[in-house]
Protein backbone atom coordinates (compact mmCIF):
# COMPACT_ATOMS: atom_id res chain seq x y z
CA UNK A 1 -1.91 -36.81 -19.59
CA UNK A 2 -5.34 -35.34 -20.39
CA UNK A 3 -6.37 -38.46 -22.31
CA UNK A 4 -5.42 -40.69 -19.37
CA UNK A 5 -7.27 -38.43 -16.93
CA UNK A 6 -10.42 -38.51 -19.06
CA UNK A 7 -10.27 -42.30 -19.18
CA UNK A 8 -9.89 -42.46 -15.38
CA UNK A 9 -12.73 -39.99 -14.81
CA UNK A 10 -15.16 -41.81 -17.11
CA UNK A 11 -14.35 -45.23 -15.66
CA UNK A 12 -14.47 -44.12 -12.03
CA UNK A 13 -17.56 -41.89 -12.36
CA UNK A 14 -19.66 -44.61 -14.00
CA UNK A 15 -18.67 -47.22 -11.39
CA UNK A 16 -19.15 -44.77 -8.50
CA UNK A 17 -22.53 -43.71 -9.88
CA UNK A 18 -23.63 -47.33 -10.11
CA UNK A 19 -22.53 -48.03 -6.51
CA UNK A 20 -24.42 -44.95 -5.34
CA UNK A 21 -27.63 -46.16 -7.02
CA UNK A 22 -27.18 -49.61 -5.45
CA UNK A 23 -27.01 -47.86 -2.07
CA UNK A 24 -30.34 -46.17 -2.94
CA UNK A 25 -28.73 -42.75 -3.48
CA UNK A 26 -28.68 -40.61 -6.66
CA UNK A 27 -25.82 -41.55 -8.97
CA UNK A 28 -24.54 -37.96 -8.96
CA UNK A 29 -23.55 -38.31 -5.28
CA UNK A 30 -21.12 -41.11 -6.15
CA UNK A 31 -19.70 -39.04 -9.01
CA UNK A 32 -19.10 -36.08 -6.73
CA UNK A 33 -17.40 -38.16 -4.04
CA UNK A 34 -15.22 -40.12 -6.46
CA UNK A 35 -13.84 -36.79 -7.66
CA UNK A 36 -12.43 -36.17 -4.18
CA UNK A 37 -10.86 -39.64 -4.21
CA UNK A 38 -9.32 -39.14 -7.66
CA UNK A 39 -8.09 -35.62 -6.92
CA UNK A 40 -4.96 -34.30 -5.18
CA UNK A 41 -6.51 -34.78 -1.73
CA UNK A 42 -6.43 -38.61 -1.89
CA UNK A 43 -5.01 -40.50 -4.91
CA UNK A 44 -3.77 -37.62 -7.04
CA UNK A 45 -4.68 -39.40 -10.31
CA UNK A 46 -6.50 -36.33 -11.67
CA UNK A 47 -5.41 -32.70 -11.33
CA UNK A 48 -7.56 -29.60 -11.66
CA UNK A 49 -6.08 -28.30 -14.94
CA UNK A 50 -7.39 -25.41 -17.04
CA UNK A 51 -8.45 -27.68 -19.90
CA UNK A 52 -10.33 -29.95 -17.49
CA UNK A 53 -12.14 -26.87 -16.20
CA UNK A 54 -13.13 -25.94 -19.74
CA UNK A 55 -14.47 -29.44 -20.43
CA UNK A 56 -16.33 -29.26 -17.12
CA UNK A 57 -17.81 -25.90 -18.12
CA UNK A 58 -19.11 -27.41 -21.36
CA UNK A 59 -20.58 -30.23 -19.26
CA UNK A 60 -22.64 -27.97 -17.01
CA UNK A 61 -23.75 -25.85 -19.97
CA UNK A 62 -24.99 -28.96 -21.80
CA UNK A 63 -26.64 -30.30 -18.64
CA UNK A 64 -28.72 -27.14 -18.27
CA UNK A 65 -29.39 -27.10 -22.02
CA UNK A 66 -30.91 -30.58 -21.68
CA UNK A 67 -32.99 -29.34 -18.73
CA UNK A 68 -34.31 -26.58 -20.98
CA UNK A 69 -35.18 -29.08 -23.71
CA UNK A 70 -37.16 -31.13 -21.18
CA UNK A 71 -39.02 -28.13 -19.78
CA UNK A 72 -42.77 -28.05 -20.31
CA UNK A 73 -43.27 -24.39 -21.20
CA UNK A 74 -46.96 -24.41 -20.25
CA UNK A 75 -46.13 -25.87 -16.83
CA UNK A 76 -43.29 -23.37 -16.51
CA UNK A 77 -45.73 -20.50 -17.07
CA UNK A 78 -48.18 -21.93 -14.54
CA UNK A 79 -45.48 -22.11 -11.85
CA UNK A 80 -44.37 -18.48 -12.27
CA UNK A 81 -45.84 -17.37 -8.94
CA UNK A 82 -44.47 -20.39 -7.09
CA UNK A 83 -41.01 -19.92 -8.64
CA UNK A 84 -40.97 -16.28 -7.58
CA UNK A 85 -41.92 -17.10 -3.99
CA UNK A 86 -39.35 -19.91 -3.77
CA UNK A 87 -36.63 -17.74 -5.31
CA UNK A 88 -37.28 -14.76 -3.04
CA UNK A 89 -37.68 -16.94 0.07
CA UNK A 90 -34.38 -18.62 -0.78
CA UNK A 91 -32.64 -15.23 -0.77
CA UNK A 92 -34.11 -13.39 2.23
CA UNK A 93 -33.24 -15.88 4.99
CA UNK A 94 -29.74 -16.87 3.72
CA UNK A 95 -28.88 -13.20 3.22
CA UNK A 96 -30.05 -12.25 6.71
CA UNK A 97 -28.26 -15.08 8.50
CA UNK A 98 -25.15 -14.63 6.35
CA UNK A 99 -25.04 -10.91 7.14
CA UNK A 100 -25.31 -11.45 10.91
CA UNK A 101 -22.70 -14.22 10.72
CA UNK A 102 -20.36 -11.76 9.03
CA UNK A 103 -20.98 -9.11 11.71
CA UNK A 104 -20.27 -11.73 14.39
CA UNK A 105 -17.00 -12.56 12.58
CA UNK A 106 -16.04 -8.84 12.81
CA UNK A 107 -16.40 -8.24 9.09
CA UNK A 108 -17.40 -4.80 7.85
CA UNK A 109 -21.03 -4.13 6.97
CA UNK A 110 -20.20 -4.30 3.24
CA UNK A 111 -18.24 -7.56 3.65
CA UNK A 112 -21.05 -9.03 5.76
CA UNK A 113 -23.58 -8.10 3.08
CA UNK A 114 -21.39 -9.78 0.48
CA UNK A 115 -21.25 -12.95 2.61
CA UNK A 116 -25.05 -12.84 2.83
CA UNK A 117 -25.34 -12.55 -0.95
CA UNK A 118 -22.84 -15.34 -1.43
CA UNK A 119 -24.95 -17.66 0.74
CA UNK A 120 -28.08 -16.54 -1.16
CA UNK A 121 -26.80 -17.88 -4.49
CA UNK A 122 -28.02 -21.19 -5.83
CA UNK A 123 -27.04 -23.57 -8.60
CA UNK A 124 -29.47 -26.28 -9.65
CA UNK A 125 -27.17 -28.08 -12.08
CA UNK A 126 -26.74 -30.90 -9.54
CA UNK A 127 -30.45 -30.83 -8.65
CA UNK A 128 -31.39 -31.15 -12.34
CA UNK A 129 -29.59 -34.48 -12.52
CA UNK A 130 -31.34 -35.75 -9.38
CA UNK A 131 -34.73 -34.62 -10.71
CA UNK A 132 -34.03 -36.49 -13.96
CA UNK A 133 -33.18 -39.67 -12.07
CA UNK A 134 -36.39 -39.39 -10.05
CA UNK A 135 -38.47 -38.54 -13.16
CA UNK A 136 -39.52 -35.23 -11.61
CA UNK A 137 -37.85 -32.78 -13.97
CA UNK A 138 -41.08 -32.30 -15.95
CA UNK A 139 -43.28 -32.13 -12.85
CA UNK A 140 -44.72 -29.00 -11.26
CA UNK A 141 -42.03 -29.23 -8.60
CA UNK A 142 -39.30 -29.49 -11.24
CA UNK A 143 -40.63 -26.47 -13.17
CA UNK A 144 -40.83 -24.47 -9.93
CA UNK A 145 -37.23 -25.30 -9.00
CA UNK A 146 -35.88 -24.31 -12.43
CA UNK A 147 -37.87 -21.09 -12.49
CA UNK A 148 -36.81 -20.22 -8.95
CA UNK A 149 -33.15 -20.75 -9.88
CA UNK A 150 -33.45 -18.24 -12.73
CA UNK A 151 -35.13 -15.68 -10.46
CA UNK A 152 -32.57 -16.31 -7.70
CA UNK A 153 -29.71 -15.79 -10.15
CA UNK A 154 -31.13 -12.50 -11.49
CA UNK A 155 -31.82 -11.00 -8.05
CA UNK A 156 -28.48 -12.02 -6.52
CA UNK A 157 -26.48 -10.69 -9.48
CA UNK A 158 -28.35 -7.37 -9.45
CA UNK A 159 -27.88 -7.08 -5.67
CA UNK A 160 -24.17 -7.87 -6.11
CA UNK A 161 -23.80 -5.09 -8.67
CA UNK A 162 -25.51 -2.67 -6.28
CA UNK A 163 -23.25 -3.76 -3.41
CA UNK A 164 -20.10 -3.35 -5.50
CA UNK A 165 -21.16 0.17 -6.48
CA UNK A 166 -21.63 0.98 -2.78
CA UNK A 167 -18.21 -0.50 -2.01
CA UNK A 168 -16.60 1.95 -4.42
CA UNK A 169 -15.91 -0.56 -7.18
CA UNK A 170 -15.85 0.60 -10.79
CA UNK A 171 -19.46 -0.40 -11.38
CA UNK A 172 -22.12 1.54 -13.26
CA UNK A 173 -25.28 0.14 -11.68
CA UNK A 174 -27.59 1.42 -14.43
CA UNK A 175 -25.37 -0.11 -17.11
CA UNK A 176 -25.22 -3.44 -15.25
CA UNK A 177 -29.01 -3.66 -14.91
CA UNK A 178 -29.56 -2.54 -18.51
CA UNK A 179 -27.22 -5.24 -19.85
CA UNK A 180 -29.11 -7.95 -18.00
CA UNK A 181 -32.52 -6.66 -19.04
CA UNK A 182 -31.34 -6.50 -22.67
CA UNK A 183 -30.05 -10.07 -22.45
CA UNK A 184 -33.32 -11.53 -21.18
CA UNK A 185 -35.50 -9.48 -23.55
CA UNK A 186 -33.21 -10.32 -26.47
CA UNK A 187 -32.99 -14.00 -25.49
CA UNK A 188 -36.78 -14.32 -25.41
CA UNK A 189 -37.31 -12.48 -28.71
CA UNK A 190 -34.56 -14.42 -30.49
CA UNK A 191 -35.87 -17.68 -29.03
CA UNK A 192 -39.34 -16.85 -30.30
CA UNK A 193 -38.54 -15.59 -33.81
CA UNK A 194 -34.96 -16.44 -34.79
CA UNK A 195 -34.25 -19.87 -33.27
CA UNK A 196 -36.99 -21.78 -35.18
CA UNK A 197 -35.99 -20.05 -38.43
CA UNK A 198 -32.28 -20.76 -37.89
CA UNK A 199 -32.89 -24.43 -37.09
CA UNK A 200 -35.11 -24.87 -40.14
CA UNK A 201 -32.65 -23.21 -42.52
CA UNK A 202 -29.47 -24.71 -41.09
CA UNK A 203 -30.92 -28.23 -41.09
CA UNK A 204 -31.21 -28.13 -44.90
CA UNK A 205 -27.44 -27.89 -45.42
CA UNK A 206 -26.11 -30.92 -47.27
CA UNK A 207 -23.67 -32.02 -44.58
CA UNK A 208 -23.99 -34.46 -41.68
CA UNK A 209 -25.69 -33.76 -38.33
CA UNK A 210 -26.85 -30.24 -39.17
CA UNK A 211 -29.71 -30.26 -36.65
CA UNK A 212 -27.56 -31.11 -33.66
CA UNK A 213 -24.83 -28.71 -34.80
CA UNK A 214 -27.30 -25.84 -35.16
CA UNK A 215 -28.73 -26.60 -31.70
CA UNK A 216 -25.27 -26.54 -30.12
CA UNK A 217 -24.46 -23.27 -31.90
CA UNK A 218 -27.57 -21.73 -30.33
CA UNK A 219 -26.74 -23.21 -26.92
CA UNK A 220 -23.16 -21.92 -26.86
CA UNK A 221 -24.04 -18.45 -28.18
CA UNK A 222 -26.76 -18.08 -25.54
CA UNK A 223 -24.33 -19.26 -22.83
CA UNK A 224 -21.62 -16.85 -24.02
CA UNK A 225 -23.94 -13.85 -24.19
CA UNK A 226 -25.36 -14.66 -20.76
CA UNK A 227 -21.88 -14.74 -19.26
CA UNK A 228 -20.85 -11.60 -21.18
CA UNK A 229 -23.78 -9.64 -19.74
CA UNK A 230 -23.09 -10.87 -16.20
CA UNK A 231 -25.72 -13.60 -16.11
CA UNK A 232 -24.52 -17.16 -15.45
CA UNK A 233 -23.77 -19.16 -18.61
CA UNK A 234 -26.00 -21.98 -17.36
CA UNK A 235 -29.02 -19.63 -17.42
CA UNK A 236 -28.26 -18.80 -21.05
CA UNK A 237 -27.99 -22.44 -22.07
CA UNK A 238 -31.18 -23.27 -20.18
CA UNK A 239 -33.10 -20.55 -22.04
CA UNK A 240 -31.66 -21.86 -25.33
CA UNK A 241 -32.98 -25.32 -24.47
CA UNK A 242 -36.43 -23.91 -23.70
CA UNK A 243 -36.44 -22.05 -27.03
CA UNK A 244 -35.68 -25.25 -28.96
CA UNK A 245 -38.16 -27.29 -26.88
CA UNK A 246 -41.11 -25.68 -28.65
CA UNK A 247 -39.82 -26.56 -32.16
CA UNK A 248 -40.27 -29.77 -34.14
CA UNK A 249 -36.55 -30.49 -33.67
CA UNK A 250 -36.87 -30.98 -29.91
CA UNK A 251 -36.76 -34.79 -29.75
CA UNK A 252 -33.92 -35.21 -32.24
CA UNK A 253 -31.82 -32.58 -30.48
CA UNK A 254 -32.56 -34.01 -27.03
CA UNK A 255 -31.58 -37.58 -27.93
CA UNK A 256 -28.30 -36.62 -29.57
CA UNK A 257 -27.27 -33.93 -27.06
CA UNK A 258 -27.97 -36.31 -24.18
CA UNK A 259 -25.73 -38.93 -25.81
CA UNK A 260 -22.90 -36.45 -26.34
CA UNK A 261 -23.25 -34.91 -22.89
CA UNK A 262 -23.47 -38.02 -20.74
CA UNK A 263 -20.77 -39.88 -22.61
CA UNK A 264 -18.02 -37.44 -21.64
CA UNK A 265 -18.81 -33.83 -20.68
CA UNK A 266 -21.32 -34.25 -17.82
CA UNK A 267 -19.30 -36.98 -16.00
CA UNK A 268 -16.26 -34.68 -16.16
CA UNK A 269 -18.32 -31.83 -14.68
CA UNK A 270 -19.60 -33.85 -11.73
CA UNK A 271 -16.24 -35.44 -10.98
CA UNK A 272 -14.24 -32.23 -11.38
CA UNK A 273 -16.19 -30.62 -8.51
CA UNK A 274 -14.62 -33.15 -6.15
CA UNK A 275 -11.23 -32.95 -7.90
CA UNK A 276 -11.08 -29.18 -7.35
CA UNK A 277 -11.69 -29.54 -3.61
CA UNK A 278 -8.83 -28.26 -1.46
CA UNK A 279 -8.78 -29.34 2.18
CA UNK A 280 -5.63 -27.55 3.31
CA UNK A 281 -6.20 -25.63 6.53
CA UNK A 282 -9.51 -27.34 7.17
CA UNK A 283 -8.66 -28.26 10.77
CA UNK A 284 -7.78 -24.69 11.74
CA UNK A 285 -11.20 -23.47 10.57
CA UNK A 286 -13.28 -26.56 11.26
CA UNK A 287 -15.83 -24.83 13.50
CA UNK A 288 -16.26 -21.93 11.12
CA UNK A 289 -16.81 -24.39 8.27
CA UNK A 290 -19.39 -26.33 10.30
CA UNK A 291 -21.29 -23.17 11.35
CA UNK A 292 -21.32 -21.62 7.87
CA UNK A 293 -22.32 -24.95 6.31
CA UNK A 294 -25.25 -25.28 8.71
CA UNK A 295 -26.30 -21.70 7.98
CA UNK A 296 -26.01 -22.30 4.23
CA UNK A 297 -28.02 -25.52 4.27
CA UNK A 298 -30.71 -24.65 6.81
CA UNK A 299 -31.34 -21.07 5.64
CA UNK A 300 -31.83 -22.02 1.98
CA UNK A 301 -33.89 -25.08 2.90
CA UNK A 302 -36.24 -23.15 5.18
CA UNK A 303 -36.47 -20.01 3.03
CA UNK A 304 -37.26 -21.81 -0.22
CA UNK A 305 -39.55 -24.33 1.52
CA UNK A 306 -41.69 -21.59 3.05
CA UNK A 307 -41.92 -19.93 -0.35
CA UNK A 308 -43.13 -23.24 -1.83
CA UNK A 309 -45.61 -23.75 1.00
CA UNK A 310 -47.10 -20.28 0.49
CA UNK A 311 -47.46 -21.18 -3.19
CA UNK A 312 -49.66 -24.15 -2.24
CA UNK A 313 -47.33 -27.15 -2.17
CA UNK A 314 -47.59 -29.78 0.59
CA UNK A 315 -44.99 -29.58 3.35
CA UNK A 316 -43.24 -32.70 1.97
CA UNK A 317 -42.93 -31.30 -1.54
CA UNK A 318 -42.11 -27.85 -0.17
CA UNK A 319 -39.08 -29.23 1.67
CA UNK A 320 -38.19 -31.26 -1.41
CA UNK A 321 -38.15 -28.07 -3.46
CA UNK A 322 -36.18 -26.32 -0.71
CA UNK A 323 -33.57 -29.08 -0.68
CA UNK A 324 -33.10 -28.72 -4.46
CA UNK A 325 -32.13 -25.06 -3.94
CA UNK A 326 -29.44 -25.81 -1.33
CA UNK A 327 -26.51 -26.46 -3.68
CA UNK A 328 -24.47 -23.29 -4.30
CA UNK A 329 -22.24 -24.90 -6.96
CA UNK A 330 -20.40 -22.94 -9.62
CA UNK A 331 -22.60 -19.83 -9.23
CA UNK A 332 -21.37 -19.24 -5.68
CA UNK A 333 -17.78 -19.97 -6.72
CA UNK A 334 -18.01 -17.27 -9.40
CA UNK A 335 -19.39 -14.79 -6.86
CA UNK A 336 -16.66 -15.73 -4.37
CA UNK A 337 -14.01 -15.08 -7.04
CA UNK A 338 -15.56 -11.64 -7.66
CA UNK A 339 -15.34 -11.00 -3.93
CA UNK A 340 -11.62 -11.77 -3.87
CA UNK A 341 -10.96 -9.46 -6.85
CA UNK A 342 -12.85 -6.56 -5.24
CA UNK A 343 -11.63 -7.03 -1.63
CA UNK A 344 -15.08 -8.02 -0.43
CA UNK A 345 -13.84 -11.42 0.72
CA UNK A 346 -10.61 -12.21 2.55
CA UNK A 347 -8.35 -14.95 1.20
CA UNK A 348 -8.59 -17.14 4.32
CA UNK A 349 -12.39 -16.89 4.30
CA UNK A 350 -12.40 -17.71 0.58
CA UNK A 351 -10.84 -21.13 1.31
CA UNK A 352 -13.52 -21.77 3.94
CA UNK A 353 -16.30 -20.72 1.56
CA UNK A 354 -15.06 -23.11 -1.14
CA UNK A 355 -15.38 -26.03 1.29
CA UNK A 356 -18.84 -24.83 2.40
CA UNK A 357 -19.95 -24.69 -1.25
CA UNK A 358 -18.66 -28.24 -1.75
CA UNK A 359 -20.56 -29.45 1.32
CA UNK A 360 -23.84 -27.88 0.13
CA UNK A 361 -23.33 -29.56 -3.24
CA UNK A 362 -22.68 -33.00 -1.74
CA UNK A 363 -25.62 -32.96 0.70
CA UNK A 364 -28.18 -31.84 -1.89
CA UNK A 365 -28.70 -35.18 -3.77
CA UNK A 366 -29.41 -37.37 -0.69
CA UNK A 367 -31.62 -34.66 0.83
CA UNK A 368 -33.69 -34.48 -2.35
CA UNK A 369 -33.95 -38.25 -2.62
CA UNK A 370 -35.10 -38.58 0.98
CA UNK A 371 -37.58 -35.67 1.00
CA UNK A 372 -39.18 -36.33 -2.40
CA UNK A 373 -39.45 -40.09 -1.99
CA UNK A 374 -40.52 -40.30 1.66
CA UNK A 375 -44.28 -40.52 1.13
């Protein structure tokens, strides 16, 4: 069954991506929408199985690894201030509006704060693909977006740990913060000293494809340790990509990882987002879904855009950067799952949030295409 589903996903995602490009939209939009068509909601040809989720997880890890490989580290350093402003701006307004929306919905103050944090999350895995298609991943705007996503992730996760400790969860706030600090310090030091040495030594082994294998080992270990310390796996794989990008193995790794990723894993990731969509009970909560979706999209767009504008970008590019931060993706889904486990999110609201996350993910590619290209 899995083999048949993979064949269907690859065939449908490539055709849907091509149709999307012909309609002057990013190919990723077609891949997202075809997932809904293939999934239980419409045709039922593909089901959201555990093994498909694992393949999808590898896909998003590799996608962010590629983004790291393509990162210009000098440009990344130069956009540090801009990334910080975009990241913080993209948290303040979504958190505030999310909190007041929760209060209006008669949630407790803690639950409302959690809703605000949930809407503050961002996931640029979809945006990375759009930036690649528009040849903007290596631009100042692209570097700002990637840096802002890392900052956003750190601040939201730390705030979530603080909130859970206030809610009476079994959370040692000092331990949580220390683990994350150790991860980032360790990741940078290892990337600086150990990664080049490991690649050089491992590549001399007298077996096939040692360079690409060593790169994937680094990528997966970074992703695992990031997830283990409470940081998103995609941040770990992105940092691994950046570490390898400054070595002489960069181009060989990039070419081969891109081939592996886009031949199977990345298409499964994009399509599985639509496959996992559940639309049961959507009519009963349609107005709540519309209102929360508008809050999610507008708050992140405005907050991040103002941060970019303060950093010196034009209004057009500022809104382009803001649009790239709109997608909540798998990061918000992980936070929502944490909310369910710790009674910070009710089950009926969880179903609504999942649809809102899907909507933010679907609207991001066309928004980016329109705002970045409308000159």
